[in-house]
N, C-alpha and C. Protein backbone atom coordinates (compact mmCIF):
# COMPACT_ATOMS: atom_id res chain seq x y z
N MET A 1 11.75 -14.14 31.41
CA MET A 1 10.97 -13.03 30.95
C MET A 1 9.85 -12.72 31.94
N ILE A 2 9.23 -13.76 32.48
CA ILE A 2 8.17 -13.55 33.46
C ILE A 2 8.73 -12.87 34.70
N ASP A 3 9.93 -13.26 35.11
CA ASP A 3 10.56 -12.61 36.26
C ASP A 3 10.82 -11.14 35.98
N TYR A 4 11.24 -10.85 34.76
CA TYR A 4 11.52 -9.45 34.39
C TYR A 4 10.25 -8.60 34.50
N PHE A 5 9.15 -9.09 33.93
CA PHE A 5 7.90 -8.34 34.00
C PHE A 5 7.33 -8.30 35.41
N ALA A 6 7.62 -9.31 36.21
CA ALA A 6 7.18 -9.29 37.61
C ALA A 6 7.91 -8.18 38.38
N GLN A 7 9.16 -7.94 38.03
CA GLN A 7 9.93 -6.89 38.70
C GLN A 7 9.67 -5.52 38.09
N HIS A 8 9.30 -5.47 36.82
CA HIS A 8 9.05 -4.21 36.12
C HIS A 8 7.63 -4.24 35.54
N GLN A 9 6.66 -4.07 36.41
CA GLN A 9 5.27 -4.16 35.97
C GLN A 9 4.90 -3.06 34.99
N ASP A 10 5.53 -1.90 35.13
CA ASP A 10 5.22 -0.82 34.20
C ASP A 10 5.62 -1.20 32.77
N TYR A 11 6.74 -1.90 32.60
CA TYR A 11 7.16 -2.32 31.27
C TYR A 11 6.19 -3.34 30.68
N PHE A 12 5.60 -4.16 31.54
CA PHE A 12 4.57 -5.11 31.07
C PHE A 12 3.41 -4.36 30.44
N PHE A 13 2.95 -3.31 31.12
CA PHE A 13 1.82 -2.56 30.59
C PHE A 13 2.20 -1.74 29.35
N TYR A 14 3.44 -1.25 29.30
CA TYR A 14 3.90 -0.57 28.10
C TYR A 14 3.96 -1.54 26.92
N ALA A 15 4.47 -2.74 27.16
CA ALA A 15 4.55 -3.76 26.11
C ALA A 15 3.14 -4.14 25.64
N LEU A 16 2.21 -4.29 26.58
CA LEU A 16 0.83 -4.61 26.23
C LEU A 16 0.23 -3.49 25.37
N ALA A 17 0.51 -2.25 25.72
CA ALA A 17 0.01 -1.12 24.93
C ALA A 17 0.59 -1.16 23.52
N GLY A 18 1.87 -1.43 23.40
CA GLY A 18 2.49 -1.51 22.08
C GLY A 18 1.93 -2.63 21.23
N ILE A 19 1.73 -3.78 21.82
CA ILE A 19 1.18 -4.92 21.09
C ILE A 19 -0.25 -4.60 20.63
N CYS A 20 -1.04 -4.01 21.51
CA CYS A 20 -2.42 -3.66 21.14
C CYS A 20 -2.45 -2.65 20.01
N LEU A 21 -1.57 -1.66 20.06
CA LEU A 21 -1.52 -0.67 18.98
C LEU A 21 -1.08 -1.29 17.66
N LEU A 22 -0.11 -2.18 17.70
CA LEU A 22 0.33 -2.85 16.47
C LEU A 22 -0.78 -3.69 15.86
N VAL A 23 -1.47 -4.45 16.70
CA VAL A 23 -2.56 -5.28 16.19
C VAL A 23 -3.68 -4.38 15.66
N GLU A 24 -3.97 -3.30 16.37
CA GLU A 24 -5.01 -2.36 15.94
C GLU A 24 -4.67 -1.78 14.57
N LEU A 25 -3.45 -1.32 14.41
CA LEU A 25 -3.04 -0.73 13.13
C LEU A 25 -3.01 -1.75 12.01
N ALA A 26 -2.49 -2.93 12.30
CA ALA A 26 -2.31 -3.94 11.26
C ALA A 26 -3.62 -4.58 10.82
N LEU A 27 -4.51 -4.82 11.76
CA LEU A 27 -5.72 -5.58 11.43
C LEU A 27 -7.00 -4.76 11.41
N LEU A 28 -7.11 -3.81 12.31
CA LEU A 28 -8.40 -3.13 12.47
C LEU A 28 -8.42 -1.71 11.92
N GLY A 29 -7.27 -1.12 11.71
CA GLY A 29 -7.22 0.21 11.12
C GLY A 29 -7.74 1.33 12.02
N ILE A 30 -7.39 1.34 13.26
CA ILE A 30 -7.79 2.36 14.24
C ILE A 30 -9.30 2.50 14.30
N SER A 31 -10.01 1.40 14.37
CA SER A 31 -11.46 1.49 14.49
C SER A 31 -12.00 0.52 15.53
N GLY A 32 -11.12 -0.17 16.23
CA GLY A 32 -11.60 -1.19 17.15
C GLY A 32 -11.30 -0.89 18.60
N PRO A 33 -11.68 -1.79 19.46
CA PRO A 33 -11.54 -1.59 20.90
C PRO A 33 -10.11 -1.69 21.42
N LEU A 34 -9.20 -2.24 20.62
CA LEU A 34 -7.82 -2.36 21.10
C LEU A 34 -7.16 -1.01 21.31
N LEU A 35 -7.66 0.01 20.65
CA LEU A 35 -7.14 1.36 20.86
C LEU A 35 -7.37 1.79 22.31
N PHE A 36 -8.53 1.48 22.85
CA PHE A 36 -8.85 1.86 24.22
C PHE A 36 -8.12 0.98 25.23
N VAL A 37 -7.92 -0.28 24.89
CA VAL A 37 -7.13 -1.17 25.74
C VAL A 37 -5.69 -0.67 25.80
N ALA A 38 -5.17 -0.26 24.66
CA ALA A 38 -3.80 0.27 24.61
C ALA A 38 -3.68 1.55 25.43
N LEU A 39 -4.67 2.41 25.34
CA LEU A 39 -4.64 3.66 26.12
C LEU A 39 -4.71 3.37 27.61
N GLY A 40 -5.58 2.45 28.02
CA GLY A 40 -5.67 2.07 29.42
C GLY A 40 -4.38 1.44 29.92
N SER A 41 -3.76 0.62 29.10
CA SER A 41 -2.50 -0.01 29.46
C SER A 41 -1.37 1.00 29.57
N LEU A 42 -1.32 1.94 28.64
CA LEU A 42 -0.30 2.98 28.66
C LEU A 42 -0.41 3.85 29.90
N LEU A 43 -1.63 4.24 30.25
CA LEU A 43 -1.83 5.07 31.44
C LEU A 43 -1.51 4.30 32.71
N THR A 44 -1.86 3.03 32.75
CA THR A 44 -1.55 2.21 33.92
C THR A 44 -0.04 2.09 34.09
N GLY A 45 0.67 1.83 33.01
CA GLY A 45 2.12 1.77 33.08
C GLY A 45 2.71 3.09 33.56
N PHE A 46 2.14 4.19 33.13
CA PHE A 46 2.59 5.51 33.55
C PHE A 46 2.39 5.70 35.06
N PHE A 47 1.24 5.30 35.58
CA PHE A 47 0.98 5.43 37.02
C PHE A 47 1.91 4.54 37.84
N ILE A 48 2.24 3.36 37.32
CA ILE A 48 3.19 2.48 38.00
C ILE A 48 4.58 3.11 37.98
N SER A 49 4.97 3.69 36.86
CA SER A 49 6.28 4.34 36.75
C SER A 49 6.41 5.50 37.72
N LEU A 50 5.31 6.20 37.97
CA LEU A 50 5.33 7.32 38.92
C LEU A 50 5.38 6.85 40.37
N GLY A 51 5.17 5.56 40.59
CA GLY A 51 5.20 5.00 41.94
C GLY A 51 3.88 5.14 42.67
N LEU A 52 2.80 5.42 41.94
CA LEU A 52 1.49 5.58 42.57
C LEU A 52 0.79 4.25 42.82
N ILE A 53 1.23 3.20 42.12
CA ILE A 53 0.63 1.87 42.25
C ILE A 53 1.75 0.88 42.50
N HIS A 54 1.54 0.00 43.50
CA HIS A 54 2.56 -0.99 43.84
C HIS A 54 2.07 -2.43 43.68
N ALA A 55 0.78 -2.66 43.84
CA ALA A 55 0.23 -4.01 43.76
C ALA A 55 -0.28 -4.29 42.34
N PHE A 56 0.04 -5.48 41.85
CA PHE A 56 -0.38 -5.85 40.50
C PHE A 56 -1.90 -5.94 40.40
N SER A 57 -2.55 -6.40 41.46
CA SER A 57 -4.01 -6.51 41.43
C SER A 57 -4.66 -5.13 41.29
N VAL A 58 -4.10 -4.14 41.94
CA VAL A 58 -4.62 -2.77 41.81
C VAL A 58 -4.37 -2.26 40.39
N ALA A 59 -3.22 -2.62 39.83
CA ALA A 59 -2.89 -2.20 38.47
C ALA A 59 -3.86 -2.80 37.46
N VAL A 60 -4.24 -4.06 37.66
CA VAL A 60 -5.18 -4.70 36.74
C VAL A 60 -6.54 -4.03 36.81
N VAL A 61 -6.99 -3.71 38.02
CA VAL A 61 -8.29 -3.04 38.19
C VAL A 61 -8.23 -1.64 37.56
N LEU A 62 -7.14 -0.92 37.78
CA LEU A 62 -6.98 0.40 37.18
C LEU A 62 -6.94 0.30 35.65
N PHE A 63 -6.23 -0.67 35.15
CA PHE A 63 -6.14 -0.90 33.71
C PHE A 63 -7.53 -1.11 33.10
N ALA A 64 -8.32 -1.95 33.73
CA ALA A 64 -9.68 -2.21 33.24
C ALA A 64 -10.52 -0.94 33.30
N GLY A 65 -10.44 -0.23 34.41
CA GLY A 65 -11.22 1.00 34.57
C GLY A 65 -10.82 2.07 33.56
N LEU A 66 -9.51 2.24 33.36
CA LEU A 66 -9.06 3.24 32.40
C LEU A 66 -9.43 2.87 30.96
N SER A 67 -9.39 1.60 30.65
CA SER A 67 -9.78 1.16 29.30
C SER A 67 -11.25 1.44 29.04
N VAL A 68 -12.09 1.11 30.01
CA VAL A 68 -13.52 1.36 29.87
C VAL A 68 -13.81 2.86 29.84
N ALA A 69 -13.14 3.63 30.70
CA ALA A 69 -13.36 5.07 30.75
C ALA A 69 -12.92 5.73 29.45
N SER A 70 -11.78 5.33 28.90
CA SER A 70 -11.33 5.92 27.65
C SER A 70 -12.29 5.57 26.51
N ALA A 71 -12.83 4.36 26.52
CA ALA A 71 -13.80 3.98 25.50
C ALA A 71 -15.07 4.82 25.63
N ALA A 72 -15.53 5.00 26.86
CA ALA A 72 -16.74 5.78 27.07
C ALA A 72 -16.56 7.24 26.66
N LEU A 73 -15.39 7.79 26.91
CA LEU A 73 -15.15 9.21 26.60
C LEU A 73 -14.81 9.46 25.13
N LEU A 74 -14.10 8.54 24.50
CA LEU A 74 -13.57 8.80 23.17
C LEU A 74 -14.32 8.13 22.03
N TRP A 75 -15.19 7.18 22.33
CA TRP A 75 -15.87 6.44 21.26
C TRP A 75 -16.68 7.38 20.36
N GLY A 76 -17.50 8.22 20.94
CA GLY A 76 -18.34 9.13 20.15
C GLY A 76 -17.53 10.09 19.29
N PRO A 77 -16.59 10.83 19.88
CA PRO A 77 -15.81 11.76 19.06
C PRO A 77 -15.01 11.08 17.96
N LEU A 78 -14.45 9.90 18.23
CA LEU A 78 -13.69 9.20 17.20
C LEU A 78 -14.59 8.69 16.08
N LYS A 79 -15.81 8.25 16.41
CA LYS A 79 -16.75 7.82 15.38
C LYS A 79 -17.16 8.98 14.49
N LYS A 80 -17.33 10.17 15.10
CA LYS A 80 -17.68 11.34 14.30
C LYS A 80 -16.57 11.67 13.31
N LEU A 81 -15.31 11.54 13.75
CA LEU A 81 -14.19 11.80 12.85
C LEU A 81 -14.14 10.78 11.72
N GLN A 82 -14.44 9.52 12.04
CA GLN A 82 -14.40 8.47 11.02
C GLN A 82 -15.50 8.63 10.00
N ASN A 83 -16.68 9.00 10.44
CA ASN A 83 -17.84 9.05 9.56
C ASN A 83 -18.08 10.43 8.97
N LYS A 84 -17.10 11.29 9.08
CA LYS A 84 -17.24 12.64 8.56
C LYS A 84 -17.49 12.58 7.06
N GLU A 85 -18.58 13.21 6.62
CA GLU A 85 -18.90 13.20 5.21
C GLU A 85 -17.98 14.15 4.45
N VAL A 86 -17.54 13.68 3.34
CA VAL A 86 -16.69 14.49 2.48
C VAL A 86 -17.53 14.95 1.31
N GLY A 87 -17.50 16.22 1.02
CA GLY A 87 -18.28 16.78 -0.08
C GLY A 87 -17.66 16.41 -1.42
N PRO A 88 -18.30 16.85 -2.47
CA PRO A 88 -17.76 16.55 -3.80
C PRO A 88 -16.38 17.16 -4.00
N GLU A 89 -15.60 16.50 -4.80
CA GLU A 89 -14.23 16.94 -5.08
C GLU A 89 -14.28 18.16 -6.00
N THR A 90 -13.69 19.26 -5.57
CA THR A 90 -13.67 20.46 -6.40
C THR A 90 -12.25 20.83 -6.81
N SER A 91 -11.28 20.03 -6.43
CA SER A 91 -9.90 20.34 -6.79
C SER A 91 -9.42 19.53 -8.00
N SER A 92 -10.31 18.78 -8.61
CA SER A 92 -9.93 17.95 -9.75
C SER A 92 -9.61 18.83 -10.95
N ASP A 93 -8.73 18.33 -11.81
CA ASP A 93 -8.43 19.08 -13.03
C ASP A 93 -9.58 19.01 -14.03
N MET A 94 -10.58 18.20 -13.74
CA MET A 94 -11.77 18.11 -14.61
C MET A 94 -12.70 19.30 -14.38
N VAL A 95 -12.66 19.90 -13.19
CA VAL A 95 -13.56 21.01 -12.88
C VAL A 95 -13.27 22.17 -13.83
N GLY A 96 -14.35 22.68 -14.44
CA GLY A 96 -14.22 23.79 -15.37
C GLY A 96 -14.14 23.36 -16.83
N LYS A 97 -13.94 22.08 -17.08
CA LYS A 97 -13.86 21.59 -18.46
C LYS A 97 -15.23 21.71 -19.14
N ILE A 98 -15.21 22.06 -20.41
CA ILE A 98 -16.43 22.12 -21.22
C ILE A 98 -16.47 20.84 -22.04
N LEU A 99 -17.54 20.06 -21.87
CA LEU A 99 -17.67 18.76 -22.52
C LEU A 99 -18.98 18.69 -23.29
N ILE A 100 -19.13 17.64 -24.08
CA ILE A 100 -20.34 17.41 -24.85
C ILE A 100 -21.12 16.25 -24.22
N ALA A 101 -22.42 16.47 -24.00
CA ALA A 101 -23.28 15.41 -23.47
C ALA A 101 -23.53 14.40 -24.58
N THR A 102 -23.25 13.13 -24.30
CA THR A 102 -23.48 12.07 -25.29
C THR A 102 -24.83 11.40 -25.08
N ALA A 103 -25.46 11.67 -23.96
CA ALA A 103 -26.79 11.17 -23.65
C ALA A 103 -27.47 12.23 -22.78
N PRO A 104 -28.79 12.26 -22.75
CA PRO A 104 -29.45 13.25 -21.89
C PRO A 104 -28.98 13.13 -20.45
N ILE A 105 -28.78 14.26 -19.79
CA ILE A 105 -28.28 14.28 -18.41
C ILE A 105 -29.39 14.77 -17.49
N THR A 106 -29.65 13.98 -16.44
CA THR A 106 -30.64 14.35 -15.41
C THR A 106 -29.96 14.29 -14.04
N GLN A 107 -30.76 14.39 -13.00
CA GLN A 107 -30.24 14.29 -11.63
C GLN A 107 -29.73 12.89 -11.31
N VAL A 108 -30.20 11.88 -12.06
CA VAL A 108 -29.84 10.50 -11.73
C VAL A 108 -29.03 9.78 -12.81
N ASP A 109 -28.99 10.32 -14.03
CA ASP A 109 -28.34 9.59 -15.11
C ASP A 109 -27.83 10.57 -16.16
N GLY A 110 -26.86 10.12 -16.92
CA GLY A 110 -26.34 10.92 -18.02
C GLY A 110 -24.93 10.50 -18.38
N ARG A 111 -24.47 10.97 -19.54
CA ARG A 111 -23.12 10.64 -20.02
C ARG A 111 -22.54 11.84 -20.74
N VAL A 112 -21.22 11.98 -20.56
CA VAL A 112 -20.46 12.99 -21.31
C VAL A 112 -19.22 12.31 -21.87
N SER A 113 -18.64 12.92 -22.88
CA SER A 113 -17.45 12.38 -23.49
C SER A 113 -16.27 13.29 -23.18
N TYR A 114 -15.17 12.67 -22.75
CA TYR A 114 -13.95 13.43 -22.49
C TYR A 114 -12.75 12.55 -22.83
N SER A 115 -11.91 13.02 -23.70
CA SER A 115 -10.68 12.34 -24.08
C SER A 115 -10.95 10.92 -24.60
N GLY A 116 -12.04 10.79 -25.36
CA GLY A 116 -12.37 9.50 -25.96
C GLY A 116 -13.04 8.52 -25.02
N ILE A 117 -13.36 8.96 -23.80
CA ILE A 117 -13.98 8.06 -22.81
C ILE A 117 -15.34 8.63 -22.42
N GLU A 118 -16.33 7.75 -22.29
CA GLU A 118 -17.63 8.20 -21.81
C GLU A 118 -17.65 8.14 -20.29
N TRP A 119 -18.02 9.26 -19.69
CA TRP A 119 -18.09 9.38 -18.23
C TRP A 119 -19.54 9.49 -17.79
N MET A 120 -19.83 8.94 -16.61
CA MET A 120 -21.16 9.15 -16.03
C MET A 120 -21.25 10.60 -15.58
N ALA A 121 -22.43 11.19 -15.76
CA ALA A 121 -22.62 12.58 -15.39
C ALA A 121 -23.98 12.74 -14.73
N ARG A 122 -24.06 13.71 -13.84
CA ARG A 122 -25.31 14.05 -13.15
C ARG A 122 -25.44 15.57 -13.15
N LEU A 123 -26.67 16.04 -13.11
CA LEU A 123 -26.90 17.47 -13.03
C LEU A 123 -26.49 18.00 -11.67
N ASP A 124 -25.81 19.11 -11.66
CA ASP A 124 -25.43 19.76 -10.40
C ASP A 124 -26.50 20.76 -9.98
N ALA A 125 -27.17 21.39 -10.92
CA ALA A 125 -28.17 22.40 -10.61
C ALA A 125 -29.53 21.73 -10.41
N VAL A 126 -30.27 22.16 -9.39
CA VAL A 126 -31.56 21.55 -9.10
C VAL A 126 -32.70 22.25 -9.86
N ASP A 127 -32.44 23.44 -10.41
CA ASP A 127 -33.51 24.16 -11.11
C ASP A 127 -33.66 23.71 -12.57
N ILE A 128 -32.77 22.85 -13.01
CA ILE A 128 -32.84 22.32 -14.38
C ILE A 128 -33.18 20.84 -14.29
N GLU A 129 -34.08 20.39 -15.18
CA GLU A 129 -34.50 18.99 -15.12
C GLU A 129 -33.70 18.09 -16.04
N ILE A 130 -33.27 18.64 -17.20
CA ILE A 130 -32.57 17.80 -18.17
C ILE A 130 -31.68 18.65 -19.07
N ILE A 131 -30.57 18.07 -19.47
CA ILE A 131 -29.71 18.65 -20.50
C ILE A 131 -29.73 17.65 -21.64
N ASN A 132 -30.06 18.12 -22.83
CA ASN A 132 -30.18 17.24 -23.99
C ASN A 132 -28.82 16.77 -24.49
N ALA A 133 -28.83 15.63 -25.17
CA ALA A 133 -27.61 15.11 -25.79
C ALA A 133 -27.09 16.11 -26.80
N GLU A 134 -25.79 16.12 -27.02
CA GLU A 134 -25.08 17.02 -27.93
C GLU A 134 -24.99 18.45 -27.41
N SER A 135 -25.46 18.72 -26.19
CA SER A 135 -25.33 20.06 -25.59
C SER A 135 -23.99 20.16 -24.89
N GLN A 136 -23.49 21.39 -24.79
CA GLN A 136 -22.26 21.62 -24.06
C GLN A 136 -22.57 21.76 -22.58
N VAL A 137 -21.71 21.14 -21.76
CA VAL A 137 -21.87 21.22 -20.30
C VAL A 137 -20.53 21.59 -19.68
N GLU A 138 -20.60 22.16 -18.49
CA GLU A 138 -19.40 22.52 -17.74
C GLU A 138 -19.34 21.67 -16.48
N VAL A 139 -18.18 21.07 -16.21
CA VAL A 139 -17.99 20.23 -15.03
C VAL A 139 -17.83 21.16 -13.81
N THR A 140 -18.68 20.94 -12.78
CA THR A 140 -18.61 21.77 -11.58
C THR A 140 -17.91 21.06 -10.42
N SER A 141 -17.99 19.73 -10.39
CA SER A 141 -17.30 18.96 -9.35
C SER A 141 -17.24 17.51 -9.78
N VAL A 142 -16.45 16.74 -9.03
CA VAL A 142 -16.29 15.32 -9.31
C VAL A 142 -16.64 14.57 -8.02
N ASP A 143 -17.54 13.60 -8.15
CA ASP A 143 -17.96 12.79 -7.00
C ASP A 143 -17.62 11.33 -7.33
N GLY A 144 -16.41 10.90 -6.94
CA GLY A 144 -15.95 9.56 -7.29
C GLY A 144 -15.66 9.51 -8.78
N THR A 145 -16.43 8.70 -9.51
CA THR A 145 -16.26 8.61 -10.96
C THR A 145 -17.38 9.31 -11.71
N VAL A 146 -18.19 10.05 -10.99
CA VAL A 146 -19.33 10.76 -11.60
C VAL A 146 -19.00 12.25 -11.69
N LEU A 147 -19.20 12.81 -12.87
CA LEU A 147 -18.97 14.24 -13.06
C LEU A 147 -20.28 14.99 -12.82
N LYS A 148 -20.23 15.99 -11.98
CA LYS A 148 -21.39 16.86 -11.75
C LYS A 148 -21.27 18.01 -12.75
N VAL A 149 -22.33 18.24 -13.51
CA VAL A 149 -22.26 19.22 -14.58
C VAL A 149 -23.43 20.19 -14.53
N LYS A 150 -23.22 21.31 -15.23
CA LYS A 150 -24.30 22.28 -15.44
C LYS A 150 -24.22 22.70 -16.90
N PRO A 151 -25.32 23.28 -17.42
CA PRO A 151 -25.28 23.72 -18.82
C PRO A 151 -24.20 24.79 -19.01
N PHE A 152 -23.52 24.73 -20.14
CA PHE A 152 -22.52 25.75 -20.45
C PHE A 152 -23.20 26.89 -21.19
N LEU A 153 -23.10 28.06 -20.62
CA LEU A 153 -23.68 29.24 -21.23
C LEU A 153 -22.54 30.07 -21.84
N SER A 154 -22.42 30.04 -23.16
CA SER A 154 -21.30 30.71 -23.81
C SER A 154 -21.47 32.21 -23.88
């Protein structure tokens, strides 16, 4: 096997890229440095396949440089994609439902009843300070397990 990779250095770098991607996907979930190592390895294998690199020592230096360069260029944009804030859920079938407040609802606390279950609720409107218990409310969005509500005006 060592002889094979010695004769086909590009396949060595392709195999290294594949192994790095598998480990990245299986263990790190596309958030670690192995993604950049895999990219550097893939590009190095590509340059060897094109016949632009013949010495293994040059390939190793290129591999290291490409890995570092890809990390420097892609780290920021990939972090922005990962940490992108998602707004409240507005496609839930709960949106638009008219419910009864079982406890006073404020910006930080409250409860409503739906289908025999008490749900946590928070005020969606900032111009209102409180909705009293037993009042009707309308669900405007869902944020995890918390229903955002506003007073129901019939």
